[in-house]
N, C-alpha and C. Protein backbone atom coordinates (compact mmCIF):
# COMPACT_ATOMS: atom_id res chain seq x y z
N MET A 1 -7.64 -0.83 -11.65
CA MET A 1 -8.02 0.10 -10.54
C MET A 1 -7.51 -0.57 -9.32
N PRO A 2 -6.73 0.09 -8.62
CA PRO A 2 -6.17 -0.53 -7.26
C PRO A 2 -7.13 -0.97 -6.26
N GLY A 3 -6.83 -1.48 -5.31
CA GLY A 3 -7.66 -2.18 -4.20
C GLY A 3 -7.84 -1.39 -3.31
N PHE A 4 -7.33 -0.07 -3.32
CA PHE A 4 -7.54 0.92 -2.07
C PHE A 4 -7.41 2.18 -2.54
N VAL A 5 -7.74 3.32 -1.79
CA VAL A 5 -7.38 4.53 -2.11
C VAL A 5 -6.34 5.12 -0.85
N LEU A 6 -5.37 5.79 -1.20
CA LEU A 6 -4.37 6.07 -0.18
C LEU A 6 -4.36 7.64 0.12
N ILE A 7 -4.68 8.08 1.28
CA ILE A 7 -4.60 9.52 1.58
C ILE A 7 -3.46 9.85 2.57
N VAL A 8 -2.59 10.57 2.26
CA VAL A 8 -1.58 11.00 3.03
C VAL A 8 -1.52 12.57 3.31
N ARG A 9 -1.24 12.83 4.69
CA ARG A 9 -1.24 14.19 4.96
C ARG A 9 -0.15 14.42 6.02
N ALA A 10 0.51 15.42 5.82
CA ALA A 10 1.54 15.75 6.79
C ALA A 10 1.03 16.59 7.98
N ARG A 11 1.59 16.10 9.16
CA ARG A 11 1.00 16.85 10.35
C ARG A 11 1.65 18.00 10.61
N ASP A 12 2.91 18.25 10.23
CA ASP A 12 3.52 19.69 10.30
C ASP A 12 3.91 19.87 11.80
N ASP A 13 4.14 18.54 12.53
CA ASP A 13 4.63 18.82 14.05
C ASP A 13 6.06 18.31 13.94
N ALA A 14 6.71 18.25 14.94
CA ALA A 14 8.23 17.82 15.15
C ALA A 14 8.26 16.31 15.26
N ASP A 15 7.13 15.67 15.50
CA ASP A 15 7.11 14.21 15.84
C ASP A 15 7.37 13.45 14.46
N PRO A 16 8.35 12.57 14.31
CA PRO A 16 8.44 11.70 12.91
C PRO A 16 7.78 10.57 12.80
N LEU A 17 6.80 10.31 13.97
CA LEU A 17 5.75 9.20 14.11
C LEU A 17 4.95 8.94 12.65
N MET A 18 5.08 7.98 12.18
CA MET A 18 3.97 7.69 11.07
C MET A 18 2.69 7.09 11.51
N ARG A 19 1.59 7.71 11.41
CA ARG A 19 0.28 7.11 11.94
C ARG A 19 -0.30 6.59 10.83
N VAL A 20 -1.20 5.47 11.17
CA VAL A 20 -2.03 4.69 9.98
C VAL A 20 -3.55 4.71 10.37
N GLY A 21 -4.40 4.96 9.37
CA GLY A 21 -5.96 4.62 9.67
C GLY A 21 -6.30 3.83 8.44
N ILE A 22 -7.10 2.83 8.86
CA ILE A 22 -7.76 1.81 7.80
C ILE A 22 -9.30 1.77 8.07
N THR A 23 -9.77 2.01 6.74
CA THR A 23 -11.34 1.98 6.73
C THR A 23 -11.79 1.14 5.64
N VAL A 24 -12.71 0.53 5.74
CA VAL A 24 -13.51 -0.19 4.65
C VAL A 24 -15.05 -0.06 4.84
N SER A 25 -15.85 0.35 4.10
CA SER A 25 -17.25 0.65 4.31
C SER A 25 -17.97 -0.65 3.97
N LYS A 26 -19.30 -0.44 4.31
CA LYS A 26 -20.34 -1.65 4.22
C LYS A 26 -20.49 -2.02 2.79
N LYS A 27 -20.21 -0.99 1.88
CA LYS A 27 -20.43 -1.25 0.58
C LYS A 27 -19.48 -2.46 -0.07
N VAL A 28 -18.44 -2.60 0.70
CA VAL A 28 -17.48 -3.58 0.30
C VAL A 28 -17.95 -5.04 0.52
N GLY A 29 -18.57 -5.25 1.36
CA GLY A 29 -19.11 -6.66 1.79
C GLY A 29 -19.54 -6.51 3.26
N ASN A 30 -19.79 -7.84 3.74
CA ASN A 30 -20.37 -7.98 5.13
C ASN A 30 -18.91 -8.01 6.12
N ALA A 31 -19.29 -8.24 7.35
CA ALA A 31 -18.17 -7.87 8.33
C ALA A 31 -17.09 -8.76 8.30
N VAL A 32 -17.39 -10.08 7.76
CA VAL A 32 -16.18 -11.17 7.76
C VAL A 32 -15.25 -10.58 6.57
N ILE A 33 -15.75 -10.23 5.62
CA ILE A 33 -14.94 -9.67 4.30
C ILE A 33 -14.32 -8.27 4.67
N ARG A 34 -15.07 -7.41 5.35
CA ARG A 34 -14.35 -6.07 5.86
C ARG A 34 -13.15 -6.44 6.76
N ASN A 35 -13.49 -7.19 7.62
CA ASN A 35 -12.26 -7.72 8.58
C ASN A 35 -11.22 -8.24 8.03
N ARG A 36 -11.36 -9.01 6.98
CA ARG A 36 -10.48 -9.81 6.25
C ARG A 36 -9.55 -8.75 5.65
N MET A 37 -10.25 -7.90 5.14
CA MET A 37 -9.52 -6.70 4.28
C MET A 37 -8.70 -5.91 5.22
N LYS A 38 -9.33 -5.59 6.40
CA LYS A 38 -8.43 -4.76 7.25
C LYS A 38 -7.34 -5.53 7.66
N ARG A 39 -7.17 -6.80 8.05
CA ARG A 39 -6.13 -7.76 8.34
C ARG A 39 -5.14 -7.76 7.28
N ARG A 40 -5.55 -7.71 6.03
CA ARG A 40 -4.61 -7.76 4.76
C ARG A 40 -4.01 -6.23 4.83
N PHE A 41 -4.69 -5.14 5.14
CA PHE A 41 -4.12 -3.92 4.99
C PHE A 41 -3.06 -3.78 6.12
N ARG A 42 -3.36 -4.07 7.30
CA ARG A 42 -2.54 -4.06 8.56
C ARG A 42 -1.21 -4.74 8.20
N ALA A 43 -1.22 -5.96 7.55
CA ALA A 43 -0.02 -6.67 7.17
C ALA A 43 0.66 -5.85 6.13
N LEU A 44 -0.03 -5.32 5.06
CA LEU A 44 0.75 -4.67 4.19
C LEU A 44 1.43 -3.48 4.67
N VAL A 45 0.73 -2.75 5.59
CA VAL A 45 1.29 -1.48 6.29
C VAL A 45 2.79 -1.84 7.10
N ARG A 46 2.52 -2.93 7.75
CA ARG A 46 3.77 -3.49 8.61
C ARG A 46 4.81 -3.75 7.58
N GLU A 47 4.72 -4.15 6.52
CA GLU A 47 5.64 -4.59 5.43
C GLU A 47 6.03 -3.12 4.76
N VAL A 48 5.35 -2.52 4.45
CA VAL A 48 5.97 -1.38 3.42
C VAL A 48 6.04 0.04 4.09
N LEU A 49 5.28 0.36 4.88
CA LEU A 49 5.40 1.66 5.57
C LEU A 49 6.68 2.09 6.31
N PRO A 50 7.48 1.11 6.74
CA PRO A 50 8.70 1.63 7.62
C PRO A 50 9.66 2.08 6.68
N GLU A 51 9.61 1.61 5.27
CA GLU A 51 10.63 1.91 4.23
C GLU A 51 10.23 3.03 3.51
N ALA A 52 8.94 2.80 3.13
CA ALA A 52 8.33 3.71 2.05
C ALA A 52 7.37 4.86 2.63
N GLY A 53 6.98 4.96 3.77
CA GLY A 53 6.28 5.77 4.25
C GLY A 53 6.85 7.27 4.66
N LEU A 54 5.96 8.09 4.91
CA LEU A 54 6.39 9.69 4.95
C LEU A 54 6.53 9.91 6.51
N PRO A 55 7.71 10.24 6.99
CA PRO A 55 7.80 10.49 8.38
C PRO A 55 7.01 11.68 8.79
N GLY A 56 6.26 11.61 10.04
CA GLY A 56 5.53 12.69 10.61
C GLY A 56 4.26 12.96 9.69
N ALA A 57 3.53 11.85 9.15
CA ALA A 57 2.56 12.00 8.55
C ALA A 57 1.33 11.02 8.75
N ASP A 58 0.20 11.23 8.47
CA ASP A 58 -0.84 10.34 8.55
C ASP A 58 -1.10 9.87 7.40
N HIS A 59 -1.22 8.43 7.29
CA HIS A 59 -1.65 7.50 6.19
C HIS A 59 -3.01 6.91 6.28
N VAL A 60 -3.95 7.10 5.56
CA VAL A 60 -5.03 6.43 5.45
C VAL A 60 -5.18 5.61 4.43
N LEU A 61 -5.80 4.31 4.56
CA LEU A 61 -6.06 3.43 3.52
C LEU A 61 -7.70 3.16 3.61
N ILE A 62 -8.16 3.30 2.47
CA ILE A 62 -9.62 3.19 2.21
C ILE A 62 -9.85 1.93 1.23
N GLY A 63 -10.55 0.93 1.91
CA GLY A 63 -10.59 -0.30 1.09
C GLY A 63 -11.77 -0.28 -0.24
N ARG A 64 -11.38 -0.80 -1.41
CA ARG A 64 -12.27 -0.77 -2.35
C ARG A 64 -12.79 -2.15 -2.60
N ASN A 65 -13.76 -2.26 -3.50
CA ASN A 65 -14.38 -3.53 -3.76
C ASN A 65 -13.46 -4.61 -4.41
N SER A 66 -12.29 -4.12 -5.15
CA SER A 66 -11.38 -5.11 -5.82
C SER A 66 -10.27 -5.49 -4.74
N GLY A 67 -10.28 -4.95 -3.77
CA GLY A 67 -9.15 -5.22 -2.87
C GLY A 67 -9.01 -6.66 -2.14
N ILE A 68 -10.20 -7.26 -1.95
CA ILE A 68 -10.29 -8.37 -1.24
C ILE A 68 -9.75 -9.66 -2.21
N GLU A 69 -10.11 -9.50 -3.30
CA GLU A 69 -9.75 -10.71 -4.15
C GLU A 69 -8.35 -10.28 -4.99
N ARG A 70 -7.72 -9.26 -4.69
CA ARG A 70 -6.31 -8.99 -5.42
C ARG A 70 -5.38 -9.68 -4.54
N PRO A 71 -4.40 -10.28 -5.33
CA PRO A 71 -3.08 -10.90 -4.63
C PRO A 71 -2.60 -9.96 -3.77
N PHE A 72 -1.82 -10.38 -2.67
CA PHE A 72 -1.18 -9.71 -1.63
C PHE A 72 -0.05 -8.93 -2.34
N ASP A 73 0.65 -9.50 -3.34
CA ASP A 73 1.87 -9.04 -3.84
C ASP A 73 1.51 -7.77 -4.64
N ASP A 74 0.35 -7.85 -5.48
CA ASP A 74 -0.41 -6.65 -5.98
C ASP A 74 -0.49 -5.55 -5.30
N LEU A 75 -1.23 -5.79 -4.18
CA LEU A 75 -1.43 -4.63 -3.35
C LEU A 75 -0.17 -4.14 -2.79
N LYS A 76 0.82 -4.81 -2.30
CA LYS A 76 1.92 -4.28 -2.04
C LYS A 76 2.67 -3.48 -2.91
N ALA A 77 2.92 -3.95 -4.16
CA ALA A 77 3.22 -2.99 -5.55
C ALA A 77 2.51 -1.70 -5.63
N GLU A 78 1.30 -1.91 -5.51
CA GLU A 78 0.53 -0.73 -5.62
C GLU A 78 0.68 0.23 -4.59
N LEU A 79 0.82 -0.17 -3.22
CA LEU A 79 1.10 0.78 -2.16
C LEU A 79 2.54 1.44 -2.21
N VAL A 80 3.42 0.67 -2.67
CA VAL A 80 4.66 1.08 -2.75
C VAL A 80 4.71 2.26 -3.97
N LYS A 81 3.95 1.99 -5.08
CA LYS A 81 3.82 3.00 -6.21
C LYS A 81 3.14 4.22 -5.68
N ALA A 82 2.09 4.15 -4.81
CA ALA A 82 1.30 5.14 -4.47
C ALA A 82 2.24 6.03 -3.57
N LEU A 83 3.04 5.39 -2.59
CA LEU A 83 3.80 6.29 -1.68
C LEU A 83 4.95 6.89 -2.41
N ALA A 84 5.51 6.18 -3.50
CA ALA A 84 6.50 6.89 -4.18
C ALA A 84 5.90 8.09 -4.86
N LYS A 85 4.85 8.10 -5.45
CA LYS A 85 4.10 9.58 -6.06
C LYS A 85 3.88 10.37 -5.10
N VAL A 86 3.48 9.93 -3.83
CA VAL A 86 3.31 11.00 -2.57
C VAL A 86 4.53 11.68 -2.43
N LYS A 87 5.72 10.92 -2.32
CA LYS A 87 7.08 11.51 -1.93
C LYS A 87 7.48 12.60 -2.94
N ARG A 88 7.09 12.37 -4.40
CA ARG A 88 7.34 13.34 -5.34
C ARG A 88 6.92 14.68 -5.01
């Protein structure tokens, strides 16, 4: 099971800007864990989204329990795979 849920929605406007939202609920852990997870997601988005993201769309990452202990390279591969599915 991936460490996050990805939701992508096209805005249908003329702006090619990609917007990102990150959320991690209290079910995942305390504030320290949630903030660490958000920092990892921000770094992940900076690396992957410019090449693999959908222009003119909103991308939302929702953290899951397994996301904090998963290696960064695995999260990166999962995000690339999820974005490839969305592009199809």
